[in-house]
Amino acid sequence: MNCYDIAEKLSGDTGKDIEMLTAMMLPERDRETKRTIIEMLNRVNDYALLEEKGLKPSGVDYAAFAVGDCLFEMPSDEAIEALSDAKRKAEDGDAMAQYTYAMYILGGALGFPDYTAVVDLLEKSAVQGHRDALYELGVCYMNGEGVRNDSLKTEELWKKAVALGNVDAMVALGAAYRGGKGIPENPTACFEMYKAAAEAGSSAGYLHLGICYFNGTGTEADIEKAIETVKIAEDMGNSDAKMLLKRMQRYYEEEDLDAIEIATRNRTEIPD
């Protein structure tokens, strides 16, 4: 008897299935079959532990889990405790826990992400002014994950997150204001967002601020300032800055740009 034959006998009730597998295992004489039953019994016990903690995995077939034929991996004991603690505190209304538990779900710690649950948790946290929850909720609205796609709602949420100092929201809004994401193009706001992110210590902020200087997006084109700014991003370890810096320096050295040439070049922007 193989694991799939045994799986057909499962009821879906972990308590009953543990009893059934134990009853099958004890008298079994075939060593291979006995080992298969024990392995399945261990996995059903694992599933029962998750159920007991209120951590039933999403989008994971119970029988497939028992057989060991699914992508979901059982969290470590430490992870289970962290998940259980975050869930309990989130249910008690703690904004940080609501955000943390949402990120656990989004990261696949409990199977395939349940975006409806994620949005519910993020909304509860965002209402309490959690800046990271505001940013992540904006991402959900931008991508249509768990909610209807709404770029204007995204802008509203990201603005609130920016006001509270979320750097990811600054960078994301900078990109959105460059156009193409459903939010009206706004070169000045694009520049200001990247500048704010850079001032907050973001290497991505410095990188894209440099691109703004190079292309004259929301500010006067200044290739020397662009090189200087992207160099900061490179010094901070930004992986994209090194290649871009070389391109900018080569362009500067080969073209010997003056103000008129800069204005002409600005019609063709450096891509992100």
Protein backbone atom coordinates (compact mmCIF):
# COMPACT_ATOMS: atom_id res chain seq x y z
CA MET A 1 0.00 0.00 0.00
CA ASN A 2 1.46 3.36 -1.01
CA CYS A 3 0.86 6.83 0.43
CA TYR A 4 -1.78 7.69 -2.17
CA ASP A 5 -3.81 4.59 -1.29
CA ILE A 6 -3.62 5.57 2.38
CA ALA A 7 -4.55 9.19 1.58
CA GLU A 8 -7.87 8.02 0.13
CA LYS A 9 -8.79 6.83 3.62
CA LEU A 10 -8.27 10.24 5.23
CA SER A 11 -11.40 11.98 6.51
CA GLY A 12 -10.02 15.52 6.74
CA ASP A 13 -10.53 15.53 10.50
CA THR A 14 -7.01 15.49 11.94
CA GLY A 15 -8.08 13.89 15.22
CA LYS A 16 -9.84 10.99 13.50
CA ASP A 17 -7.05 10.61 10.95
CA ILE A 18 -4.39 10.41 13.67
CA GLU A 19 -6.38 7.62 15.31
CA MET A 20 -6.89 5.83 11.99
CA LEU A 21 -3.21 6.04 10.96
CA THR A 22 -2.07 4.90 14.40
CA ALA A 23 -4.42 1.93 14.20
CA MET A 24 -3.03 1.08 10.75
CA MET A 25 0.58 1.50 11.77
CA LEU A 26 0.67 -0.67 14.92
CA PRO A 27 -0.17 -4.07 13.34
CA GLU A 28 1.50 -3.39 9.98
CA ARG A 29 4.20 -5.97 9.18
CA ASP A 30 5.56 -4.60 5.94
CA ARG A 31 8.44 -2.30 6.86
CA GLU A 32 8.06 0.00 3.85
CA THR A 33 4.34 0.44 4.39
CA LYS A 34 4.87 1.00 8.09
CA ARG A 35 7.43 3.72 7.38
CA THR A 36 5.03 5.38 4.92
CA ILE A 37 2.25 5.39 7.52
CA ILE A 38 4.57 6.85 10.17
CA GLU A 39 5.66 9.63 7.82
CA MET A 40 2.04 10.46 7.03
CA LEU A 41 1.14 10.32 10.72
CA ASN A 42 3.88 12.83 11.49
CA ARG A 43 2.63 15.19 8.81
CA VAL A 44 -0.98 14.93 9.98
CA ASN A 45 0.24 15.71 13.49
CA ASP A 46 2.01 18.77 12.07
CA TYR A 47 -1.19 19.88 10.36
CA ALA A 48 -3.11 19.37 13.60
CA LEU A 49 -0.60 21.60 15.41
CA LEU A 50 -1.14 24.38 12.87
CA GLU A 51 -4.91 24.02 13.26
CA GLU A 52 -4.58 24.17 17.03
CA LYS A 53 -2.63 27.43 16.74
CA GLY A 54 -5.19 28.85 14.31
CA LEU A 55 -2.59 28.76 11.53
CA LYS A 56 -4.27 26.54 8.97
CA PRO A 57 -2.31 26.97 5.70
CA SER A 58 -4.13 28.69 2.84
CA GLY A 59 -4.47 27.03 -0.56
CA VAL A 60 -2.84 23.82 0.70
CA ASP A 61 -4.68 20.57 0.09
CA TYR A 62 -4.85 18.55 3.30
CA ALA A 63 -4.35 15.17 1.63
CA ALA A 64 -1.43 16.49 -0.42
CA PHE A 65 0.12 17.83 2.79
CA ALA A 66 -0.30 14.46 4.49
CA VAL A 67 1.34 12.73 1.55
CA GLY A 68 4.12 15.32 1.38
CA ASP A 69 3.14 16.18 -2.16
CA CYS A 70 2.82 19.98 -1.93
CA LEU A 71 5.15 23.00 -2.00
CA PHE A 72 4.25 24.13 1.51
CA GLU A 73 6.92 23.43 4.12
CA MET A 74 6.12 23.10 7.79
CA PRO A 75 7.36 26.20 9.66
CA SER A 76 9.95 25.72 12.37
CA ASP A 77 8.84 25.67 16.01
CA GLU A 78 10.22 29.20 16.42
CA ALA A 79 8.31 30.41 13.36
CA ILE A 80 5.08 28.83 14.58
CA GLU A 81 5.41 30.61 17.91
CA ALA A 82 6.15 33.91 16.17
CA LEU A 83 3.16 33.45 13.85
CA SER A 84 0.87 32.48 16.71
CA ASP A 85 2.01 35.44 18.80
CA ALA A 86 1.53 37.89 15.92
CA LYS A 87 -1.92 36.47 15.15
CA ARG A 88 -3.02 36.73 18.78
CA LYS A 89 -1.81 40.32 19.12
CA ALA A 90 -3.31 41.24 15.75
CA GLU A 91 -6.70 39.94 16.88
CA ASP A 92 -6.33 42.09 20.00
CA GLY A 93 -5.96 45.16 17.76
CA ASP A 94 -2.21 45.75 17.88
CA ALA A 95 -1.28 47.72 14.72
CA MET A 96 2.29 46.45 14.52
CA ALA A 97 1.14 42.85 14.93
CA GLN A 98 -1.54 43.31 12.27
CA TYR A 99 1.10 44.54 9.84
CA THR A 100 3.58 41.81 10.83
CA TYR A 101 1.03 39.01 10.50
CA ALA A 102 -0.08 40.38 7.12
CA MET A 103 3.54 40.26 5.93
CA TYR A 104 3.90 36.67 7.16
CA ILE A 105 0.85 35.70 5.10
CA LEU A 106 2.02 37.70 2.10
CA GLY A 107 5.44 36.02 2.29
CA GLY A 108 3.94 32.53 2.09
CA ALA A 109 4.59 31.50 5.68
CA LEU A 110 1.11 29.97 5.75
CA GLY A 111 0.78 28.66 2.21
CA PHE A 112 -0.41 30.61 -0.78
CA PRO A 113 -1.08 34.25 0.15
CA ASP A 114 -4.67 34.96 1.12
CA TYR A 115 -4.85 38.52 -0.22
CA THR A 116 -8.28 39.14 1.28
CA ALA A 117 -6.89 38.40 4.74
CA VAL A 118 -3.80 40.49 4.00
CA VAL A 119 -5.87 43.51 2.98
CA ASP A 120 -8.12 43.15 6.03
CA LEU A 121 -5.11 43.16 8.37
CA LEU A 122 -3.38 46.03 6.57
CA GLU A 123 -6.54 48.15 6.61
CA LYS A 124 -6.90 47.68 10.37
CA SER A 125 -3.25 48.61 10.88
CA ALA A 126 -3.35 51.53 8.43
CA VAL A 127 -6.38 53.06 10.18
CA GLN A 128 -4.20 53.27 13.27
CA GLY A 129 -1.53 55.16 11.33
CA HIS A 130 1.03 52.40 10.79
CA ARG A 131 3.17 53.82 7.99
CA ASP A 132 4.39 50.49 6.60
CA ALA A 133 0.84 49.15 6.51
CA LEU A 134 -0.24 52.24 4.58
CA TYR A 135 2.50 51.60 2.03
CA GLU A 136 1.75 47.87 1.63
CA LEU A 137 -1.98 48.53 1.39
CA GLY A 138 -1.21 50.99 -1.40
CA VAL A 139 0.72 48.24 -3.19
CA CYS A 140 -2.34 45.98 -2.92
CA TYR A 141 -4.52 48.66 -4.52
CA MET A 142 -1.91 49.26 -7.22
CA ASN A 143 -1.70 45.56 -8.12
CA GLY A 144 -5.34 44.68 -7.49
CA GLU A 145 -4.42 42.10 -4.83
CA GLY A 146 -7.37 41.41 -2.55
CA VAL A 147 -9.07 44.63 -3.67
CA ARG A 148 -10.11 46.28 -6.92
CA ASN A 149 -7.24 48.06 -8.66
CA ASP A 150 -7.39 51.75 -7.74
CA SER A 151 -4.31 53.84 -8.51
CA LEU A 152 -5.80 57.00 -6.98
CA LYS A 153 -6.37 55.12 -3.72
CA THR A 154 -2.77 53.99 -3.96
CA GLU A 155 -1.63 57.59 -4.30
CA GLU A 156 -3.70 58.60 -1.28
CA LEU A 157 -2.27 55.81 0.88
CA TRP A 158 1.32 56.37 -0.24
CA LYS A 159 1.04 60.10 0.49
CA LYS A 160 -0.02 59.27 4.03
CA ALA A 161 2.87 56.82 4.35
CA VAL A 162 5.30 59.46 3.03
CA ALA A 163 4.04 61.98 5.57
CA LEU A 164 4.90 59.45 8.27
CA GLY A 165 8.39 58.87 6.83
CA ASN A 166 8.03 55.62 4.86
CA VAL A 167 10.92 55.64 2.38
CA ASP A 168 9.53 52.86 0.19
CA ALA A 169 6.44 55.00 -0.40
CA MET A 170 8.66 57.95 -1.40
CA VAL A 171 10.46 55.84 -4.01
CA ALA A 172 7.22 54.23 -5.23
CA LEU A 173 5.47 57.60 -5.59
CA GLY A 174 8.48 58.98 -7.42
CA ALA A 175 8.17 56.17 -9.95
CA ALA A 176 4.39 56.59 -10.19
CA TYR A 177 4.68 60.33 -10.84
CA ARG A 178 6.97 59.56 -13.73
CA GLY A 179 3.84 58.21 -15.42
CA GLY A 180 2.54 54.89 -16.68
CA LYS A 181 1.03 53.52 -13.44
CA GLY A 182 -2.40 55.10 -13.51
CA ILE A 183 -1.32 58.11 -11.44
CA PRO A 184 -1.14 61.41 -13.36
CA GLU A 185 2.40 62.25 -14.45
CA ASN A 186 3.97 64.96 -12.30
CA PRO A 187 7.71 65.59 -12.97
CA THR A 188 8.05 68.08 -10.11
CA ALA A 189 6.49 65.72 -7.58
CA CYS A 190 8.60 62.87 -9.00
CA PHE A 191 11.78 64.85 -8.31
CA GLU A 192 10.62 65.86 -4.83
CA MET A 193 9.78 62.28 -3.87
CA TYR A 194 13.16 60.96 -4.96
CA LYS A 195 14.88 63.86 -3.23
CA ALA A 196 13.01 63.09 0.01
CA ALA A 197 13.97 59.41 -0.26
CA ALA A 198 17.61 60.33 -0.82
CA GLU A 199 17.60 62.68 2.15
CA ALA A 200 16.15 59.84 4.20
CA GLY A 201 19.19 57.73 3.28
CA SER A 202 17.75 55.56 0.48
CA SER A 203 20.24 54.40 -2.15
CA ALA A 204 17.32 53.95 -4.57
CA GLY A 205 16.38 57.54 -3.84
CA TYR A 206 19.87 58.74 -4.76
CA LEU A 207 19.93 56.57 -7.89
CA HIS A 208 16.65 57.89 -9.27
CA LEU A 209 17.37 61.43 -8.14
CA GLY A 210 20.50 61.23 -10.26
CA ILE A 211 18.41 60.11 -13.23
CA CYS A 212 16.12 63.10 -12.66
CA TYR A 213 19.14 65.42 -12.78
CA PHE A 214 20.43 63.74 -15.92
CA ASN A 215 17.10 63.91 -17.74
CA GLY A 216 15.92 67.21 -16.31
CA THR A 217 12.84 65.60 -14.73
CA GLY A 218 11.24 68.11 -12.40
CA THR A 219 14.47 70.09 -12.20
CA GLU A 220 17.10 71.69 -14.40
CA ALA A 221 19.26 69.11 -16.19
CA ASP A 222 22.70 68.90 -14.60
CA ILE A 223 24.87 65.97 -15.64
CA GLU A 224 27.61 66.77 -13.13
CA LYS A 225 25.04 66.76 -10.33
CA ALA A 226 23.60 63.56 -11.78
CA ILE A 227 26.99 61.82 -11.68
CA GLU A 228 27.64 63.07 -8.16
CA THR A 229 24.26 61.82 -6.94
CA VAL A 230 24.46 58.40 -8.59
CA LYS A 231 27.97 58.03 -7.16
CA ILE A 232 26.47 58.30 -3.68
CA ALA A 233 24.09 55.45 -4.55
CA GLU A 234 27.03 53.38 -5.77
CA ASP A 235 28.99 54.08 -2.58
CA MET A 236 25.96 52.86 -0.64
CA GLY A 237 26.15 49.54 -2.48
CA ASN A 238 23.28 50.01 -4.94
CA SER A 239 23.77 47.30 -7.57
CA ASP A 240 22.19 49.33 -10.39
CA ALA A 241 24.23 52.46 -9.75
CA LYS A 242 27.61 51.17 -10.94
CA MET A 243 26.54 50.46 -14.51
CA LEU A 244 24.48 53.64 -14.75
CA LEU A 245 27.35 55.72 -13.41
CA LYS A 246 29.67 54.40 -16.11
CA ARG A 247 27.12 55.29 -18.78
CA MET A 248 26.71 58.81 -17.43
CA GLN A 249 30.45 59.39 -17.14
CA ARG A 250 31.10 58.09 -20.65
CA TYR A 251 28.36 60.28 -22.03
CA TYR A 252 29.78 63.30 -20.22
CA GLU A 253 33.39 62.70 -21.29
CA GLU A 254 32.62 61.87 -24.92
CA GLU A 255 30.05 64.56 -25.60
CA ASP A 256 31.42 67.47 -23.54
CA LEU A 257 27.87 68.63 -23.08
CA ASP A 258 26.93 72.27 -22.92
CA ALA A 259 23.54 73.67 -21.96
CA ILE A 260 22.12 73.40 -25.49
CA GLU A 261 23.27 69.81 -25.91
CA ILE A 262 21.75 68.90 -22.54
CA ALA A 263 18.41 70.32 -23.61
CA THR A 264 18.57 68.30 -26.84
CA ARG A 265 19.60 65.11 -25.05
CA ASN A 266 16.73 65.44 -22.57
CA ARG A 267 14.28 64.43 -25.28
CA THR A 268 15.59 60.89 -24.88
CA GLU A 269 15.67 59.83 -21.26
CA ILE A 270 17.85 57.17 -19.69
CA PRO A 271 15.55 54.23 -18.97
CA ASP A 272 15.18 52.96 -15.42
